């Protein structure tokens, strides 16, 4: 009887170990050792473009290790590696390229290596302090409204929603002049339910964004539209169109 109990315990322990090794989670392989855990690019300039570093891993195990995949979860960090098996005692190199385009400030990214068909993994990090530069205004503000005012959109199409629901947009604005800019937003026809600033002031070359939101208090049965006319330092500019879509193709101007 005692022999059967011992056999049962051994089988139970084996089952637990087998379950842990087959739960879908890779095991950390610390013996696949990098030359550095974190590479710090330090202070880099966005305008200078991509930077690269190469991690060297040594296989301190007693088996062949193959890199199956490398994940960074960011298109700005691109790894280059070989899937050739690395014998015990041999090394493998992985090049990691970082593109700081439209990045600013402190940047940290984890680079995860999946090994031996995803059964094991290891990881390293890169970091940098990105110094941004002022991009051409039309990159993020493609629409010229006149008088040096640029915005990110020509039309704000609000979707067909039910009463009690809300929707909002982030509208980017840029003062592309060398002088102070005061902007008034005039609604035609007037619509007080639409929420947005009535007036803002931008310094020379300043860029900012405002929130434009709408809380639906009733169901729209026809598509409606108003115009937001920006008045820059007293001069009217091209209108921004705001539209509320409905479930049919009918259309009329709000009044």
C-alpha atoms as a PDB file:
ATOM      1  CA  UNK A   1       0.000   0.000   0.000  1.00  0.00           C
ATOM      2  CA  UNK A   2       2.830   2.359   0.915  1.00  0.00           C
ATOM      3  CA  UNK A   3       4.449   1.641  -2.461  1.00  0.00           C
ATOM      4  CA  UNK A   4       1.254   2.700  -4.280  1.00  0.00           C
ATOM      5  CA  UNK A   5       1.061   5.918  -2.269  1.00  0.00           C
ATOM      6  CA  UNK A   6       4.663   6.790  -3.155  1.00  0.00           C
ATOM      7  CA  UNK A   7       3.970   6.001  -6.805  1.00  0.00           C
ATOM      8  CA  UNK A   8       0.896   8.247  -6.742  1.00  0.00           C
ATOM      9  CA  UNK A   9       2.908  11.117  -5.217  1.00  0.00           C
ATOM     10  CA  UNK A  10       5.616  10.751  -7.870  1.00  0.00           C
ATOM     11  CA  UNK A  11       3.040  10.759 -10.654  1.00  0.00           C
ATOM     12  CA  UNK A  12       1.359  13.832  -9.160  1.00  0.00           C
ATOM     13  CA  UNK A  13       4.657  15.715  -8.940  1.00  0.00           C
ATOM     14  CA  UNK A  14       5.509  14.775 -12.515  1.00  0.00           C
ATOM     15  CA  UNK A  15       2.082  15.974 -13.669  1.00  0.00           C
ATOM     16  CA  UNK A  16       2.558  19.328 -11.933  1.00  0.00           C
ATOM     17  CA  UNK A  17       5.986  19.840 -13.484  1.00  0.00           C
ATOM     18  CA  UNK A  18       4.671  18.825 -16.894  1.00  0.00           C
ATOM     19  CA  UNK A  19       1.727  21.216 -16.563  1.00  0.00           C
ATOM     20  CA  UNK A  20       4.011  24.104 -15.577  1.00  0.00           C
ATOM     21  CA  UNK A  21       6.254  23.483 -18.592  1.00  0.00           C
ATOM     22  CA  UNK A  22       3.292  23.313 -20.963  1.00  0.00           C
ATOM     23  CA  UNK A  23       1.162  26.227 -19.786  1.00  0.00           C
ATOM     24  CA  UNK A  24       2.058  28.285 -22.855  1.00  0.00           C
ATOM     25  CA  UNK A  25       4.344  30.676 -20.966  1.00  0.00           C
ATOM     26  CA  UNK A  26       8.008  30.704 -22.050  1.00  0.00           C
ATOM     27  CA  UNK A  27      10.710  30.246 -19.430  1.00  0.00           C
ATOM     28  CA  UNK A  28      13.375  32.896 -18.882  1.00  0.00           C
ATOM     29  CA  UNK A  29      16.741  31.583 -20.103  1.00  0.00           C
ATOM     30  CA  UNK A  30      19.271  33.470 -17.995  1.00  0.00           C
ATOM     31  CA  UNK A  31      22.182  31.433 -19.386  1.00  0.00           C
ATOM     32  CA  UNK A  32      21.717  33.082 -22.798  1.00  0.00           C
ATOM     33  CA  UNK A  33      23.608  36.101 -21.561  1.00  0.00           C
ATOM     34  CA  UNK A  34      23.833  39.578 -23.182  1.00  0.00           C
ATOM     35  CA  UNK A  35      26.953  41.737 -23.024  1.00  0.00           C
ATOM     36  CA  UNK A  36      24.737  44.471 -21.507  1.00  0.00           C
ATOM     37  CA  UNK A  37      21.163  44.411 -20.251  1.00  0.00           C
ATOM     38  CA  UNK A  38      20.419  48.023 -21.163  1.00  0.00           C
ATOM     39  CA  UNK A  39      21.981  50.140 -23.872  1.00  0.00           C
ATOM     40  CA  UNK A  40      21.714  53.880 -23.287  1.00  0.00           C
ATOM     41  CA  UNK A  41      22.023  55.968 -26.453  1.00  0.00           C
ATOM     42  CA  UNK A  42      22.156  59.023 -24.224  1.00  0.00           C
ATOM     43  CA  UNK A  43      21.157  62.409 -25.613  1.00  0.00           C
ATOM     44  CA  UNK A  44      20.276  62.139 -29.311  1.00  0.00           C
ATOM     45  CA  UNK A  45      18.798  64.634 -31.759  1.00  0.00           C
ATOM     46  CA  UNK A  46      15.583  63.669 -33.525  1.00  0.00           C
ATOM     47  CA  UNK A  47      16.726  65.447 -36.691  1.00  0.00           C
ATOM     48  CA  UNK A  48      19.826  63.204 -36.918  1.00  0.00           C
ATOM     49  CA  UNK A  49      17.662  60.142 -37.580  1.00  0.00           C
ATOM     50  CA  UNK A  50      18.237  56.501 -36.707  1.00  0.00           C
ATOM     51  CA  UNK A  51      20.738  55.196 -34.181  1.00  0.00           C
ATOM     52  CA  UNK A  52      21.896  51.589 -33.812  1.00  0.00           C
ATOM     53  CA  UNK A  53      23.496  49.292 -31.295  1.00  0.00           C
ATOM     54  CA  UNK A  54      24.493  45.632 -31.340  1.00  0.00           C
ATOM     55  CA  UNK A  55      23.872  43.263 -28.446  1.00  0.00           C
ATOM     56  CA  UNK A  56      26.116  40.199 -28.175  1.00  0.00           C
ATOM     57  CA  UNK A  57      24.665  37.106 -26.501  1.00  0.00           C
ATOM     58  CA  UNK A  58      26.732  34.138 -25.338  1.00  0.00           C
ATOM     59  CA  UNK A  59      25.191  30.705 -25.027  1.00  0.00           C
ATOM     60  CA  UNK A  60      26.214  29.487 -21.577  1.00  0.00           C
ATOM     61  CA  UNK A  61      23.880  26.491 -21.699  1.00  0.00           C
ATOM     62  CA  UNK A  62      24.736  22.927 -22.706  1.00  0.00           C
ATOM     63  CA  UNK A  63      22.323  22.935 -25.652  1.00  0.00           C
ATOM     64  CA  UNK A  64      21.865  24.677 -28.976  1.00  0.00           C
ATOM     65  CA  UNK A  65      19.811  27.876 -28.711  1.00  0.00           C
ATOM     66  CA  UNK A  66      17.970  29.368 -31.683  1.00  0.00           C
ATOM     67  CA  UNK A  67      16.380  32.820 -31.829  1.00  0.00           C
ATOM     68  CA  UNK A  68      12.832  32.278 -33.110  1.00  0.00           C
ATOM     69  CA  UNK A  69      11.562  35.853 -33.010  1.00  0.00           C
ATOM     70  CA  UNK A  70      12.310  39.271 -31.547  1.00  0.00           C
ATOM     71  CA  UNK A  71       9.497  41.539 -30.350  1.00  0.00           C
ATOM     72  CA  UNK A  72       9.691  45.273 -29.651  1.00  0.00           C
ATOM     73  CA  UNK A  73       6.008  46.224 -30.085  1.00  0.00           C
ATOM     74  CA  UNK A  74       7.041  49.453 -31.796  1.00  0.00           C
ATOM     75  CA  UNK A  75       7.774  50.185 -35.438  1.00  0.00           C
ATOM     76  CA  UNK A  76      10.387  52.672 -34.286  1.00  0.00           C
ATOM     77  CA  UNK A  77      12.594  49.862 -32.936  1.00  0.00           C
ATOM     78  CA  UNK A  78      13.686  47.309 -35.546  1.00  0.00           C
ATOM     79  CA  UNK A  79      15.815  44.237 -34.706  1.00  0.00           C
ATOM     80  CA  UNK A  80      18.075  42.412 -37.165  1.00  0.00           C
ATOM     81  CA  UNK A  81      19.133  38.879 -36.269  1.00  0.00           C
ATOM     82  CA  UNK A  82      19.788  35.372 -37.563  1.00  0.00           C
ATOM     83  CA  UNK A  83      17.756  32.263 -36.748  1.00  0.00           C
ATOM     84  CA  UNK A  84      20.814  30.035 -37.039  1.00  0.00           C
ATOM     85  CA  UNK A  85      21.319  27.835 -33.988  1.00  0.00           C
ATOM     86  CA  UNK A  86      23.948  28.984 -31.493  1.00  0.00           C
ATOM     87  CA  UNK A  87      26.033  26.163 -30.047  1.00  0.00           C
ATOM     88  CA  UNK A  88      27.139  26.114 -26.395  1.00  0.00           C
ATOM     89  CA  UNK A  89      29.918  28.636 -25.860  1.00  0.00           C
ATOM     90  CA  UNK A  90      29.194  30.475 -29.121  1.00  0.00           C
ATOM     91  CA  UNK A  91      27.828  33.997 -29.494  1.00  0.00           C
ATOM     92  CA  UNK A  92      25.061  35.665 -31.487  1.00  0.00           C
ATOM     93  CA  UNK A  93      24.709  39.310 -32.419  1.00  0.00           C
ATOM     94  CA  UNK A  94      21.458  41.265 -32.657  1.00  0.00           C
ATOM     95  CA  UNK A  95      21.398  44.736 -34.159  1.00  0.00           C
ATOM     96  CA  UNK A  96      18.713  47.068 -32.831  1.00  0.00           C
ATOM     97  CA  UNK A  97      17.840  50.226 -34.790  1.00  0.00           C
ATOM     98  CA  UNK A  98      15.895  53.060 -33.147  1.00  0.00           C
ATOM     99  CA  UNK A  99      14.194  55.764 -35.216  1.00  0.00           C
ATOM    100  CA  UNK A 100      13.425  58.809 -33.016  1.00  0.00           C
ATOM    101  CA  UNK A 101      11.114  60.414 -35.581  1.00  0.00           C
ATOM    102  CA  UNK A 102       8.328  62.299 -33.743  1.00  0.00           C
ATOM    103  CA  UNK A 103       9.681  61.176 -30.358  1.00  0.00           C
ATOM    104  CA  UNK A 104      10.713  63.520 -27.564  1.00  0.00           C
ATOM    105  CA  UNK A 105      12.101  63.222 -24.075  1.00  0.00           C
ATOM    106  CA  UNK A 106      13.008  60.001 -22.284  1.00  0.00           C
ATOM    107  CA  UNK A 107      12.411  56.851 -24.313  1.00  0.00           C
ATOM    108  CA  UNK A 108      12.686  53.277 -22.992  1.00  0.00           C
ATOM    109  CA  UNK A 109      11.823  50.141 -24.938  1.00  0.00           C
ATOM    110  CA  UNK A 110      12.051  46.460 -24.055  1.00  0.00           C
ATOM    111  CA  UNK A 111      13.407  44.039 -26.670  1.00  0.00           C
ATOM    112  CA  UNK A 112      12.238  40.453 -26.089  1.00  0.00           C
ATOM    113  CA  UNK A 113      13.964  37.488 -27.741  1.00  0.00           C
ATOM    114  CA  UNK A 114      11.859  34.346 -28.104  1.00  0.00           C
ATOM    115  CA  UNK A 115      14.094  31.281 -28.119  1.00  0.00           C
ATOM    116  CA  UNK A 116      13.760  27.667 -29.245  1.00  0.00           C
ATOM    117  CA  UNK A 117      10.341  27.966 -30.833  1.00  0.00           C
ATOM    118  CA  UNK A 118       9.009  30.321 -28.175  1.00  0.00           C
ATOM    119  CA  UNK A 119       9.583  27.921 -25.290  1.00  0.00           C
ATOM    120  CA  UNK A 120      12.157  30.239 -23.712  1.00  0.00           C
ATOM    121  CA  UNK A 121      13.021  33.921 -23.781  1.00  0.00           C
ATOM    122  CA  UNK A 122      15.432  36.601 -22.703  1.00  0.00           C
ATOM    123  CA  UNK A 123      15.272  40.379 -22.926  1.00  0.00           C
ATOM    124  CA  UNK A 124      17.277  43.578 -23.088  1.00  0.00           C
ATOM    125  CA  UNK A 125      16.401  47.264 -23.118  1.00  0.00           C
ATOM    126  CA  UNK A 126      17.328  50.394 -25.018  1.00  0.00           C
ATOM    127  CA  UNK A 127      16.826  53.939 -23.829  1.00  0.00           C
ATOM    128  CA  UNK A 128      17.525  57.459 -25.025  1.00  0.00           C
ATOM    129  CA  UNK A 129      16.838  61.105 -24.320  1.00  0.00           C
ATOM    130  CA  UNK A 130      15.428  62.455 -27.582  1.00  0.00           C
ATOM    131  CA  UNK A 131      15.825  66.154 -28.327  1.00  0.00           C
ATOM    132  CA  UNK A 132      12.993  67.016 -30.766  1.00  0.00           C
ATOM    133  CA  UNK A 133      13.032  69.577 -33.529  1.00  0.00           C
ATOM    134  CA  UNK A 134      10.269  71.721 -34.983  1.00  0.00           C
ATOM    135  CA  UNK A 135       8.756  69.833 -37.914  1.00  0.00           C
ATOM    136  CA  UNK A 136       7.374  71.665 -40.958  1.00  0.00           C
ATOM    137  CA  UNK A 137       3.934  72.958 -40.032  1.00  0.00           C
ATOM    138  CA  UNK A 138       2.152  71.019 -42.781  1.00  0.00           C
ATOM    139  CA  UNK A 139       3.234  67.642 -41.409  1.00  0.00           C
ATOM    140  CA  UNK A 140       0.673  67.784 -38.591  1.00  0.00           C
ATOM    141  CA  UNK A 141      -1.364  70.805 -39.741  1.00  0.00           C
ATOM    142  CA  UNK A 142      -1.932  70.251 -43.477  1.00  0.00           C
ATOM    143  CA  UNK A 143      -4.805  72.727 -43.969  1.00  0.00           C
ATOM    144  CA  UNK A 144      -4.076  76.409 -44.592  1.00  0.00           C
ATOM    145  CA  UNK A 145      -6.932  78.586 -43.312  1.00  0.00           C
ATOM    146  CA  UNK A 146      -5.268  81.860 -44.184  1.00  0.00           C
ATOM    147  CA  UNK A 147      -3.527  84.620 -42.189  1.00  0.00           C
ATOM    148  CA  UNK A 148      -0.870  82.114 -41.082  1.00  0.00           C
ATOM    149  CA  UNK A 149      -3.345  79.776 -39.348  1.00  0.00           C
ATOM    150  CA  UNK A 150      -2.980  76.052 -40.048  1.00  0.00           C
ATOM    151  CA  UNK A 151      -5.191  73.287 -38.669  1.00  0.00           C
ATOM    152  CA  UNK A 152      -5.195  69.506 -38.711  1.00  0.00           C
ATOM    153  CA  UNK A 153      -8.667  69.049 -40.211  1.00  0.00           C
ATOM    154  CA  UNK A 154     -11.059  70.607 -42.704  1.00  0.00           C
ATOM    155  CA  UNK A 155     -14.142  68.841 -41.423  1.00  0.00           C
ATOM    156  CA  UNK A 156     -15.209  67.307 -38.108  1.00  0.00           C
ATOM    157  CA  UNK A 157     -17.697  64.508 -38.895  1.00  0.00           C
ATOM    158  CA  UNK A 158     -19.551  63.531 -35.736  1.00  0.00           C
ATOM    159  CA  UNK A 159     -20.972  59.988 -35.919  1.00  0.00           C
ATOM    160  CA  UNK A 160     -24.584  58.911 -35.593  1.00  0.00           C
ATOM    161  CA  UNK A 161     -24.992  58.312 -31.842  1.00  0.00           C
ATOM    162  CA  UNK A 162     -27.842  57.932 -29.383  1.00  0.00           C
ATOM    163  CA  UNK A 163     -29.000  60.489 -26.789  1.00  0.00           C
ATOM    164  CA  UNK A 164     -26.696  60.563 -23.777  1.00  0.00           C
ATOM    165  CA  UNK A 165     -23.626  59.598 -25.773  1.00  0.00           C
ATOM    166  CA  UNK A 166     -20.779  61.965 -26.611  1.00  0.00           C
ATOM    167  CA  UNK A 167     -17.923  62.294 -29.067  1.00  0.00           C
ATOM    168  CA  UNK A 168     -14.901  64.581 -29.285  1.00  0.00           C
ATOM    169  CA  UNK A 169     -11.984  65.552 -31.514  1.00  0.00           C
ATOM    170  CA  UNK A 170      -8.566  66.968 -30.810  1.00  0.00           C
ATOM    171  CA  UNK A 171      -8.136  69.827 -33.279  1.00  0.00           C
ATOM    172  CA  UNK A 172      -4.524  70.894 -33.787  1.00  0.00           C
ATOM    173  CA  UNK A 173      -3.765  74.539 -34.561  1.00  0.00           C
ATOM    174  CA  UNK A 174      -0.540  76.279 -35.551  1.00  0.00           C
ATOM    175  CA  UNK A 175       0.482  79.916 -35.790  1.00  0.00           C
ATOM    176  CA  UNK A 176       2.950  79.944 -38.673  1.00  0.00           C
ATOM    177  CA  UNK A 177       3.723  83.660 -38.345  1.00  0.00           C
ATOM    178  CA  UNK A 178       6.245  85.664 -36.355  1.00  0.00           C
ATOM    179  CA  UNK A 179       3.594  87.633 -34.486  1.00  0.00           C
ATOM    180  CA  UNK A 180       0.942  87.097 -31.829  1.00  0.00           C
ATOM    181  CA  UNK A 181      -2.254  85.523 -33.148  1.00  0.00           C
ATOM    182  CA  UNK A 182      -5.698  85.923 -31.582  1.00  0.00           C
ATOM    183  CA  UNK A 183      -8.302  83.512 -32.931  1.00  0.00           C
ATOM    184  CA  UNK A 184     -12.058  83.855 -32.420  1.00  0.00           C
ATOM    185  CA  UNK A 185     -14.320  80.982 -33.440  1.00  0.00           C
ATOM    186  CA  UNK A 186     -17.656  82.139 -34.857  1.00  0.00           C
ATOM    187  CA  UNK A 187     -20.392  79.576 -35.452  1.00  0.00           C
ATOM    188  CA  UNK A 188     -22.727  79.897 -38.395  1.00  0.00           C
ATOM    189  CA  UNK A 189     -25.490  79.227 -37.615  1.00  0.00           C
ATOM    190  CA  UNK A 190     -24.870  79.441 -33.883  1.00  0.00           C
ATOM    191  CA  UNK A 191     -24.849  76.148 -32.007  1.00  0.00           C
ATOM    192  CA  UNK A 192     -24.338  76.302 -28.256  1.00  0.00           C
ATOM    193  CA  UNK A 193     -24.353  72.525 -27.678  1.00  0.00           C
ATOM    194  CA  UNK A 194     -21.021  72.092 -29.454  1.00  0.00           C
ATOM    195  CA  UNK A 195     -18.288  72.587 -26.853  1.00  0.00           C
ATOM    196  CA  UNK A 196     -15.049  74.339 -27.818  1.00  0.00           C
ATOM    197  CA  UNK A 197     -13.154  77.511 -26.845  1.00  0.00           C
ATOM    198  CA  UNK A 198     -14.605  80.757 -28.167  1.00  0.00           C
ATOM    199  CA  UNK A 199     -11.203  82.450 -28.350  1.00  0.00           C
ATOM    200  CA  UNK A 200      -7.547  81.475 -28.010  1.00  0.00           C
ATOM    201  CA  UNK A 201      -4.225  83.284 -28.373  1.00  0.00           C
ATOM    202  CA  UNK A 202      -1.117  81.752 -29.911  1.00  0.00           C
ATOM    203  CA  UNK A 203       2.396  83.099 -29.626  1.00  0.00           C
ATOM    204  CA  UNK A 204       4.576  83.415 -32.712  1.00  0.00           C
ATOM    205  CA  UNK A 205       5.186  79.921 -34.179  1.00  0.00           C
ATOM    206  CA  UNK A 206       3.192  78.337 -31.360  1.00  0.00           C
ATOM    207  CA  UNK A 207       1.320  75.088 -31.893  1.00  0.00           C
ATOM    208  CA  UNK A 208      -1.443  73.761 -29.695  1.00  0.00           C
ATOM    209  CA  UNK A 209      -4.619  71.710 -29.751  1.00  0.00           C
ATOM    210  CA  UNK A 210      -8.184  72.252 -28.583  1.00  0.00           C
ATOM    211  CA  UNK A 211     -10.950  69.805 -27.752  1.00  0.00           C
ATOM    212  CA  UNK A 212     -14.160  69.958 -29.752  1.00  0.00           C
ATOM    213  CA  UNK A 213     -16.934  67.843 -28.225  1.00  0.00           C
ATOM    214  CA  UNK A 214     -20.647  67.241 -28.521  1.00  0.00           C
ATOM    215  CA  UNK A 215     -23.100  65.578 -26.127  1.00  0.00           C
ATOM    216  CA  UNK A 216     -26.050  64.073 -27.960  1.00  0.00           C
ATOM    217  CA  UNK A 217     -29.293  65.204 -26.367  1.00  0.00           C
ATOM    218  CA  UNK A 218     -31.482  63.809 -29.138  1.00  0.00           C
ATOM    219  CA  UNK A 219     -31.317  61.413 -32.061  1.00  0.00           C
ATOM    220  CA  UNK A 220     -30.504  63.120 -35.361  1.00  0.00           C
ATOM    221  CA  UNK A 221     -32.852  62.052 -38.152  1.00  0.00           C
ATOM    222  CA  UNK A 222     -31.104  64.097 -40.826  1.00  0.00           C
ATOM    223  CA  UNK A 223     -27.463  64.988 -41.405  1.00  0.00           C
ATOM    224  CA  UNK A 224     -26.754  68.466 -40.042  1.00  0.00           C
ATOM    225  CA  UNK A 225     -23.894  70.864 -40.498  1.00  0.00           C
ATOM    226  CA  UNK A 226     -22.547  74.188 -39.262  1.00  0.00           C
ATOM    227  CA  UNK A 227     -19.505  76.279 -40.144  1.00  0.00           C
ATOM    228  CA  UNK A 228     -16.881  77.424 -37.666  1.00  0.00           C
ATOM    229  CA  UNK A 229     -15.294  80.598 -39.018  1.00  0.00           C
ATOM    230  CA  UNK A 230     -11.897  81.380 -37.456  1.00  0.00           C
ATOM    231  CA  UNK A 231     -11.275  85.119 -37.186  1.00  0.00           C
ATOM    232  CA  UNK A 232      -7.528  85.757 -36.987  1.00  0.00           C
ATOM    233  CA  UNK A 233      -6.564  89.168 -35.606  1.00  0.00           C
ATOM    234  CA  UNK A 234      -9.901  90.531 -36.816  1.00  0.00           C
ATOM    235  CA  UNK A 235      -9.836  88.921 -40.283  1.00  0.00           C
ATOM    236  CA  UNK A 236     -12.165  86.093 -41.278  1.00  0.00           C
ATOM    237  CA  UNK A 237     -10.519  82.947 -42.616  1.00  0.00           C
ATOM    238  CA  UNK A 238     -11.724  79.821 -44.394  1.00  0.00           C
ATOM    239  CA  UNK A 239     -14.448  77.981 -42.438  1.00  0.00           C
ATOM    240  CA  UNK A 240     -14.093  74.672 -40.644  1.00  0.00           C
ATOM    241  CA  UNK A 241     -17.090  72.435 -41.287  1.00  0.00           C
ATOM    242  CA  UNK A 242     -18.744  70.476 -38.461  1.00  0.00           C
ATOM    243  CA  UNK A 243     -21.182  67.765 -39.491  1.00  0.00           C
ATOM    244  CA  UNK A 244     -23.533  65.473 -37.569  1.00  0.00           C
ATOM    245  CA  UNK A 245     -24.234  62.308 -39.518  1.00  0.00           C
ATOM    246  CA  UNK A 246     -27.593  60.559 -39.459  1.00  0.00           C
ATOM    247  CA  UNK A 247     -28.712  57.129 -40.522  1.00  0.00           C
ATOM    248  CA  UNK A 248     -30.074  58.348 -43.848  1.00  0.00           C
ATOM    249  CA  UNK A 249     -28.886  60.577 -46.656  1.00  0.00           C
ATOM    250  CA  UNK A 250     -31.049  63.598 -45.921  1.00  0.00           C
ATOM    251  CA  UNK A 251     -29.212  66.852 -45.224  1.00  0.00           C
ATOM    252  CA  UNK A 252     -30.023  70.304 -43.953  1.00  0.00           C
ATOM    253  CA  UNK A 253     -28.195  73.213 -42.327  1.00  0.00           C
ATOM    254  CA  UNK A 254     -28.675  73.562 -38.573  1.00  0.00           C
ATOM    255  CA  UNK A 255     -30.889  76.414 -37.497  1.00  0.00           C
END
